[in-house]
Amino acid sequence: MTFRVFKKISVKGNNKHPIYKWLSNKELNGRIDKEPSWNFCKYLVDSEGKLLYYFGSSVEPLSSQITAILD
């Protein structure tokens, strides 16, 4: 699998990209008020675009916390 690299975007501050405005604002996403704390934070969104969970960068992508939800 390959992933195309696009451009760098802001995840915090005045120039925050709209996706991070939505991900980190409970009034917009209906669930979570959590900005990314560091690289590799993870947000789980379902197939209908509903934000489900936030995991900090210390949680490994294949951790049981995440994989249990995906099963």
PDB file of N, CA and C in Angstrom:
ATOM      1  N   MET A   1       0.842  -1.163   0.000  1.00  0.00           N
ATOM      2  CA  MET A   1       0.000   0.000   0.000  1.00  0.00           C
ATOM      3  C   MET A   1       0.899   1.240   0.000  1.00  0.00           C
ATOM      4  N   THR A   2       0.499   2.247  -0.715  1.00  0.00           N
ATOM      5  CA  THR A   2       1.250   3.499  -0.726  1.00  0.00           C
ATOM      6  C   THR A   2       0.338   4.635  -0.296  1.00  0.00           C
ATOM      7  N   PHE A   3       0.940   5.651   0.262  1.00  0.00           N
ATOM      8  CA  PHE A   3       0.204   6.829   0.685  1.00  0.00           C
ATOM      9  C   PHE A   3       0.849   8.042   0.037  1.00  0.00           C
ATOM     10  N   ARG A   4       0.034   8.810  -0.634  1.00  0.00           N
ATOM     11  CA  ARG A   4       0.543  10.025  -1.254  1.00  0.00           C
ATOM     12  C   ARG A   4       0.782  11.086  -0.186  1.00  0.00           C
ATOM     13  N   VAL A   5       1.831  11.828  -0.343  1.00  0.00           N
ATOM     14  CA  VAL A   5       2.138  12.918   0.567  1.00  0.00           C
ATOM     15  C   VAL A   5       1.578  14.197  -0.045  1.00  0.00           C
ATOM     16  N   PHE A   6       0.829  14.913   0.735  1.00  0.00           N
ATOM     17  CA  PHE A   6       0.230  16.132   0.240  1.00  0.00           C
ATOM     18  C   PHE A   6       1.025  17.328   0.746  1.00  0.00           C
ATOM     19  N   LYS A   7       0.466  18.114   1.608  1.00  0.00           N
ATOM     20  CA  LYS A   7       1.195  19.244   2.151  1.00  0.00           C
ATOM     21  C   LYS A   7       1.034  19.297   3.656  1.00  0.00           C
ATOM     22  N   LYS A   8       1.922  20.006   4.282  1.00  0.00           N
ATOM     23  CA  LYS A   8       1.879  20.176   5.719  1.00  0.00           C
ATOM     24  C   LYS A   8       0.712  21.094   6.074  1.00  0.00           C
ATOM     25  N   ILE A   9      -0.034  20.719   7.127  1.00  0.00           N
ATOM     26  CA  ILE A   9      -1.144  21.549   7.582  1.00  0.00           C
ATOM     27  C   ILE A   9      -0.993  21.825   9.071  1.00  0.00           C
ATOM     28  N   SER A  10      -1.655  22.874   9.527  1.00  0.00           N
ATOM     29  CA  SER A  10      -1.631  23.224  10.950  1.00  0.00           C
ATOM     30  C   SER A  10      -2.680  22.413  11.693  1.00  0.00           C
ATOM     31  N   VAL A  11      -2.295  21.910  12.859  1.00  0.00           N
ATOM     32  CA  VAL A  11      -3.230  21.141  13.679  1.00  0.00           C
ATOM     33  C   VAL A  11      -3.650  21.911  14.926  1.00  0.00           C
ATOM     34  N   LYS A  12      -3.014  23.030  15.182  1.00  0.00           N
ATOM     35  CA  LYS A  12      -3.332  23.874  16.334  1.00  0.00           C
ATOM     36  C   LYS A  12      -3.207  25.340  15.923  1.00  0.00           C
ATOM     37  N   GLY A  13      -3.742  26.206  16.745  1.00  0.00           N
ATOM     38  CA  GLY A  13      -3.548  27.633  16.553  1.00  0.00           C
ATOM     39  C   GLY A  13      -4.515  28.273  15.565  1.00  0.00           C
ATOM     40  N   ASN A  14      -4.184  29.505  15.181  1.00  0.00           N
ATOM     41  CA  ASN A  14      -5.058  30.310  14.327  1.00  0.00           C
ATOM     42  C   ASN A  14      -5.241  29.745  12.926  1.00  0.00           C
ATOM     43  N   ASN A  15      -4.260  29.007  12.423  1.00  0.00           N
ATOM     44  CA  ASN A  15      -4.334  28.456  11.065  1.00  0.00           C
ATOM     45  C   ASN A  15      -4.723  26.989  11.048  1.00  0.00           C
ATOM     46  N   LYS A  16      -5.374  26.532  12.097  1.00  0.00           N
ATOM     47  CA  LYS A  16      -5.755  25.121  12.214  1.00  0.00           C
ATOM     48  C   LYS A  16      -6.593  24.698  11.009  1.00  0.00           C
ATOM     49  N   HIS A  17      -6.232  23.579  10.420  1.00  0.00           N
ATOM     50  CA  HIS A  17      -6.955  23.024   9.280  1.00  0.00           C
ATOM     51  C   HIS A  17      -8.381  22.656   9.714  1.00  0.00           C
ATOM     52  N   PRO A  18      -9.368  22.808   8.821  1.00  0.00           N
ATOM     53  CA  PRO A  18     -10.757  22.497   9.181  1.00  0.00           C
ATOM     54  C   PRO A  18     -10.978  21.089   9.740  1.00  0.00           C
ATOM     55  N   ILE A  19     -10.248  20.096   9.274  1.00  0.00           N
ATOM     56  CA  ILE A  19     -10.444  18.742   9.817  1.00  0.00           C
ATOM     57  C   ILE A  19     -10.064  18.693  11.288  1.00  0.00           C
ATOM     58  N   TYR A  20      -9.009  19.406  11.673  1.00  0.00           N
ATOM     59  CA  TYR A  20      -8.621  19.429  13.088  1.00  0.00           C
ATOM     60  C   TYR A  20      -9.532  20.334  13.904  1.00  0.00           C
ATOM     61  N   LYS A  21     -10.119  21.352  13.283  1.00  0.00           N
ATOM     62  CA  LYS A  21     -11.135  22.141  13.987  1.00  0.00           C
ATOM     63  C   LYS A  21     -12.297  21.228  14.352  1.00  0.00           C
ATOM     64  N   TRP A  22     -12.722  20.388  13.417  1.00  0.00           N
ATOM     65  CA  TRP A  22     -13.827  19.468  13.664  1.00  0.00           C
ATOM     66  C   TRP A  22     -13.437  18.383  14.663  1.00  0.00           C
ATOM     67  N   LEU A  23     -12.277  17.759  14.470  1.00  0.00           N
ATOM     68  CA  LEU A  23     -11.837  16.671  15.342  1.00  0.00           C
ATOM     69  C   LEU A  23     -11.690  17.101  16.796  1.00  0.00           C
ATOM     70  N   SER A  24     -11.303  18.342  17.023  1.00  0.00           N
ATOM     71  CA  SER A  24     -10.963  18.777  18.380  1.00  0.00           C
ATOM     72  C   SER A  24     -12.012  19.673  19.032  1.00  0.00           C
ATOM     73  N   ASN A  25     -13.207  19.756  18.459  1.00  0.00           N
ATOM     74  CA  ASN A  25     -14.234  20.638  19.004  1.00  0.00           C
ATOM     75  C   ASN A  25     -15.544  19.865  19.183  1.00  0.00           C
ATOM     76  N   LYS A  26     -15.920  19.627  20.421  1.00  0.00           N
ATOM     77  CA  LYS A  26     -17.122  18.850  20.727  1.00  0.00           C
ATOM     78  C   LYS A  26     -18.391  19.487  20.148  1.00  0.00           C
ATOM     79  N   GLU A  27     -18.427  20.813  20.080  1.00  0.00           N
ATOM     80  CA  GLU A  27     -19.592  21.485  19.498  1.00  0.00           C
ATOM     81  C   GLU A  27     -19.757  21.129  18.022  1.00  0.00           C
ATOM     82  N   LEU A  28     -18.652  20.845  17.340  1.00  0.00           N
ATOM     83  CA  LEU A  28     -18.705  20.502  15.920  1.00  0.00           C
ATOM     84  C   LEU A  28     -18.856  19.003  15.686  1.00  0.00           C
ATOM     85  N   ASN A  29     -18.122  18.188  16.455  1.00  0.00           N
ATOM     86  CA  ASN A  29     -18.127  16.734  16.208  1.00  0.00           C
ATOM     87  C   ASN A  29     -19.105  15.976  17.095  1.00  0.00           C
ATOM     88  N   GLY A  30     -19.654  16.639  18.101  1.00  0.00           N
ATOM     89  CA  GLY A  30     -20.665  16.025  18.952  1.00  0.00           C
ATOM     90  C   GLY A  30     -20.156  15.058  20.005  1.00  0.00           C
ATOM     91  N   ARG A  31     -18.838  14.951  20.148  1.00  0.00           N
ATOM     92  CA  ARG A  31     -18.346  13.920  21.069  1.00  0.00           C
ATOM     93  C   ARG A  31     -17.088  14.284  21.861  1.00  0.00           C
ATOM     94  N   ILE A  32     -16.072  14.840  21.224  1.00  0.00           N
ATOM     95  CA  ILE A  32     -14.754  14.926  21.851  1.00  0.00           C
ATOM     96  C   ILE A  32     -14.170  16.339  21.738  1.00  0.00           C
ATOM     97  N   ASP A  33     -13.642  16.844  22.849  1.00  0.00           N
ATOM     98  CA  ASP A  33     -12.884  18.100  22.892  1.00  0.00           C
ATOM     99  C   ASP A  33     -11.431  17.755  23.185  1.00  0.00           C
ATOM    100  N   LYS A  34     -10.694  17.304  22.206  1.00  0.00           N
ATOM    101  CA  LYS A  34      -9.308  16.896  22.466  1.00  0.00           C
ATOM    102  C   LYS A  34      -8.435  17.229  21.269  1.00  0.00           C
ATOM    103  N   GLU A  35      -7.546  18.211  21.448  1.00  0.00           N
ATOM    104  CA  GLU A  35      -6.573  18.536  20.400  1.00  0.00           C
ATOM    105  C   GLU A  35      -5.451  17.523  20.434  1.00  0.00           C
ATOM    106  N   PRO A  36      -4.783  17.328  19.302  1.00  0.00           N
ATOM    107  CA  PRO A  36      -3.636  16.423  19.312  1.00  0.00           C
ATOM    108  C   PRO A  36      -2.571  16.951  20.270  1.00  0.00           C
ATOM    109  N   SER A  37      -2.077  16.062  21.097  1.00  0.00           N
ATOM    110  CA  SER A  37      -1.070  16.470  22.072  1.00  0.00           C
ATOM    111  C   SER A  37       0.341  16.361  21.511  1.00  0.00           C
ATOM    112  N   TRP A  38       0.524  15.510  20.509  1.00  0.00           N
ATOM    113  CA  TRP A  38       1.843  15.265  19.934  1.00  0.00           C
ATOM    114  C   TRP A  38       1.646  14.499  18.638  1.00  0.00           C
ATOM    115  N   ASN A  39       2.728  14.268  17.909  1.00  0.00           N
ATOM    116  CA  ASN A  39       2.639  13.472  16.682  1.00  0.00           C
ATOM    117  C   ASN A  39       2.025  12.108  16.968  1.00  0.00           C
ATOM    118  N   PHE A  40       1.372  11.559  16.011  1.00  0.00           N
ATOM    119  CA  PHE A  40       0.826  10.204  16.051  1.00  0.00           C
ATOM    120  C   PHE A  40      -0.373  10.027  16.977  1.00  0.00           C
ATOM    121  N   CYS A  41      -1.067  11.109  17.295  1.00  0.00           N
ATOM    122  CA  CYS A  41      -2.353  10.961  17.972  1.00  0.00           C
ATOM    123  C   CYS A  41      -3.309  10.344  16.965  1.00  0.00           C
ATOM    124  N   LYS A  42      -4.299   9.638  17.478  1.00  0.00           N
ATOM    125  CA  LYS A  42      -5.202   8.920  16.591  1.00  0.00           C
ATOM    126  C   LYS A  42      -6.648   9.261  16.903  1.00  0.00           C
ATOM    127  N   TYR A  43      -7.413   9.527  15.859  1.00  0.00           N
ATOM    128  CA  TYR A  43      -8.849   9.730  15.976  1.00  0.00           C
ATOM    129  C   TYR A  43      -9.509   8.624  15.175  1.00  0.00           C
ATOM    130  N   LEU A  44     -10.494   7.942  15.762  1.00  0.00           N
ATOM    131  CA  LEU A  44     -11.237   6.921  15.033  1.00  0.00           C
ATOM    132  C   LEU A  44     -12.577   7.496  14.611  1.00  0.00           C
ATOM    133  N   VAL A  45     -12.835   7.414  13.306  1.00  0.00           N
ATOM    134  CA  VAL A  45     -14.062   7.915  12.706  1.00  0.00           C
ATOM    135  C   VAL A  45     -14.734   6.745  12.005  1.00  0.00           C
ATOM    136  N   ASP A  46     -16.049   6.583  12.189  1.00  0.00           N
ATOM    137  CA  ASP A  46     -16.717   5.450  11.557  1.00  0.00           C
ATOM    138  C   ASP A  46     -17.005   5.724  10.078  1.00  0.00           C
ATOM    139  N   SER A  47     -17.561   4.744   9.411  1.00  0.00           N
ATOM    140  CA  SER A  47     -17.787   4.844   7.962  1.00  0.00           C
ATOM    141  C   SER A  47     -18.824   5.894   7.589  1.00  0.00           C
ATOM    142  N   GLU A  48     -19.560   6.383   8.570  1.00  0.00           N
ATOM    143  CA  GLU A  48     -20.547   7.436   8.310  1.00  0.00           C
ATOM    144  C   GLU A  48     -20.049   8.809   8.739  1.00  0.00           C
ATOM    145  N   GLY A  49     -18.781   8.889   9.123  1.00  0.00           N
ATOM    146  CA  GLY A  49     -18.182  10.164   9.474  1.00  0.00           C
ATOM    147  C   GLY A  49     -18.383  10.596  10.911  1.00  0.00           C
ATOM    148  N   LYS A  50     -18.819   9.694  11.768  1.00  0.00           N
ATOM    149  CA  LYS A  50     -19.013  10.007  13.186  1.00  0.00           C
ATOM    150  C   LYS A  50     -17.715   9.767  13.939  1.00  0.00           C
ATOM    151  N   LEU A  51     -17.287  10.775  14.695  1.00  0.00           N
ATOM    152  CA  LEU A  51     -16.085  10.639  15.512  1.00  0.00           C
ATOM    153  C   LEU A  51     -16.382   9.736  16.692  1.00  0.00           C
ATOM    154  N   LEU A  52     -15.574   8.706  16.859  1.00  0.00           N
ATOM    155  CA  LEU A  52     -15.814   7.724  17.912  1.00  0.00           C
ATOM    156  C   LEU A  52     -14.865   7.849  19.090  1.00  0.00           C
ATOM    157  N   TYR A  53     -13.560   7.930  18.817  1.00  0.00           N
ATOM    158  CA  TYR A  53     -12.558   7.889  19.878  1.00  0.00           C
ATOM    159  C   TYR A  53     -11.347   8.735  19.529  1.00  0.00           C
ATOM    160  N   TYR A  54     -10.631   9.100  20.578  1.00  0.00           N
ATOM    161  CA  TYR A  54      -9.331   9.766  20.466  1.00  0.00           C
ATOM    162  C   TYR A  54      -8.335   8.950  21.280  1.00  0.00           C
ATOM    163  N   PHE A  55      -7.153   8.749  20.726  1.00  0.00           N
ATOM    164  CA  PHE A  55      -6.059   8.088  21.443  1.00  0.00           C
ATOM    165  C   PHE A  55      -4.810   8.941  21.309  1.00  0.00           C
ATOM    166  N   GLY A  56      -4.105   9.120  22.404  1.00  0.00           N
ATOM    167  CA  GLY A  56      -2.868   9.879  22.394  1.00  0.00           C
ATOM    168  C   GLY A  56      -1.747   9.146  21.675  1.00  0.00           C
ATOM    169  N   SER A  57      -0.641   9.831  21.502  1.00  0.00           N
ATOM    170  CA  SER A  57       0.479   9.271  20.751  1.00  0.00           C
ATOM    171  C   SER A  57       1.134   8.084  21.455  1.00  0.00           C
ATOM    172  N   SER A  58       0.926   7.935  22.755  1.00  0.00           N
ATOM    173  CA  SER A  58       1.542   6.812  23.466  1.00  0.00           C
ATOM    174  C   SER A  58       0.816   5.488  23.186  1.00  0.00           C
ATOM    175  N   VAL A  59      -0.382   5.550  22.632  1.00  0.00           N
ATOM    176  CA  VAL A  59      -1.136   4.340  22.304  1.00  0.00           C
ATOM    177  C   VAL A  59      -0.691   3.856  20.924  1.00  0.00           C
ATOM    178  N   GLU A  60      -0.193   2.627  20.874  1.00  0.00           N
ATOM    179  CA  GLU A  60       0.271   2.045  19.611  1.00  0.00           C
ATOM    180  C   GLU A  60      -0.921   1.771  18.685  1.00  0.00           C
ATOM    181  N   PRO A  61      -0.746   1.951  17.379  1.00  0.00           N
ATOM    182  CA  PRO A  61      -1.853   1.723  16.440  1.00  0.00           C
ATOM    183  C   PRO A  61      -2.467   0.328  16.524  1.00  0.00           C
ATOM    184  N   LEU A  62      -1.678  -0.671  16.875  1.00  0.00           N
ATOM    185  CA  LEU A  62      -2.192  -2.043  16.960  1.00  0.00           C
ATOM    186  C   LEU A  62      -2.431  -2.471  18.405  1.00  0.00           C
ATOM    187  N   SER A  63      -2.551  -1.519  19.318  1.00  0.00           N
ATOM    188  CA  SER A  63      -2.787  -1.854  20.726  1.00  0.00           C
ATOM    189  C   SER A  63      -4.160  -2.501  20.878  1.00  0.00           C
ATOM    190  N   SER A  64      -4.345  -3.233  21.947  1.00  0.00           N
ATOM    191  CA  SER A  64      -5.636  -3.860  22.205  1.00  0.00           C
ATOM    192  C   SER A  64      -6.737  -2.814  22.422  1.00  0.00           C
ATOM    193  N   GLN A  65      -6.366  -1.636  22.898  1.00  0.00           N
ATOM    194  CA  GLN A  65      -7.351  -0.563  23.071  1.00  0.00           C
ATOM    195  C   GLN A  65      -8.029  -0.231  21.739  1.00  0.00           C
ATOM    196  N   ILE A  66      -7.240  -0.211  20.688  1.00  0.00           N
ATOM    197  CA  ILE A  66      -7.776   0.136  19.364  1.00  0.00           C
ATOM    198  C   ILE A  66      -8.326  -1.087  18.648  1.00  0.00           C
ATOM    199  N   THR A  67      -7.586  -2.157  18.628  1.00  0.00           N
ATOM    200  CA  THR A  67      -8.024  -3.342  17.868  1.00  0.00           C
ATOM    201  C   THR A  67      -9.316  -3.937  18.432  1.00  0.00           C
ATOM    202  N   ALA A  68      -9.553  -3.818  19.718  1.00  0.00           N
ATOM    203  CA  ALA A  68     -10.806  -4.316  20.310  1.00  0.00           C
ATOM    204  C   ALA A  68     -12.010  -3.581  19.737  1.00  0.00           C
ATOM    205  N   ILE A  69     -11.840  -2.311  19.451  1.00  0.00           N
ATOM    206  CA  ILE A  69     -12.908  -1.508  18.883  1.00  0.00           C
ATOM    207  C   ILE A  69     -13.144  -1.896  17.418  1.00  0.00           C
ATOM    208  N   LEU A  70     -12.087  -2.221  16.720  1.00  0.00           N
ATOM    209  CA  LEU A  70     -12.169  -2.512  15.288  1.00  0.00           C
ATOM    210  C   LEU A  70     -12.715  -3.897  14.977  1.00  0.00           C
ATOM    211  N   ASP A  71     -12.652  -4.798  15.946  1.00  0.00           N
ATOM    212  CA  ASP A  71     -13.125  -6.168  15.707  1.00  0.00           C
ATOM    213  C   ASP A  71     -14.619  -6.255  15.570  1.00  0.00           C
TER     214      ASP A  71
END
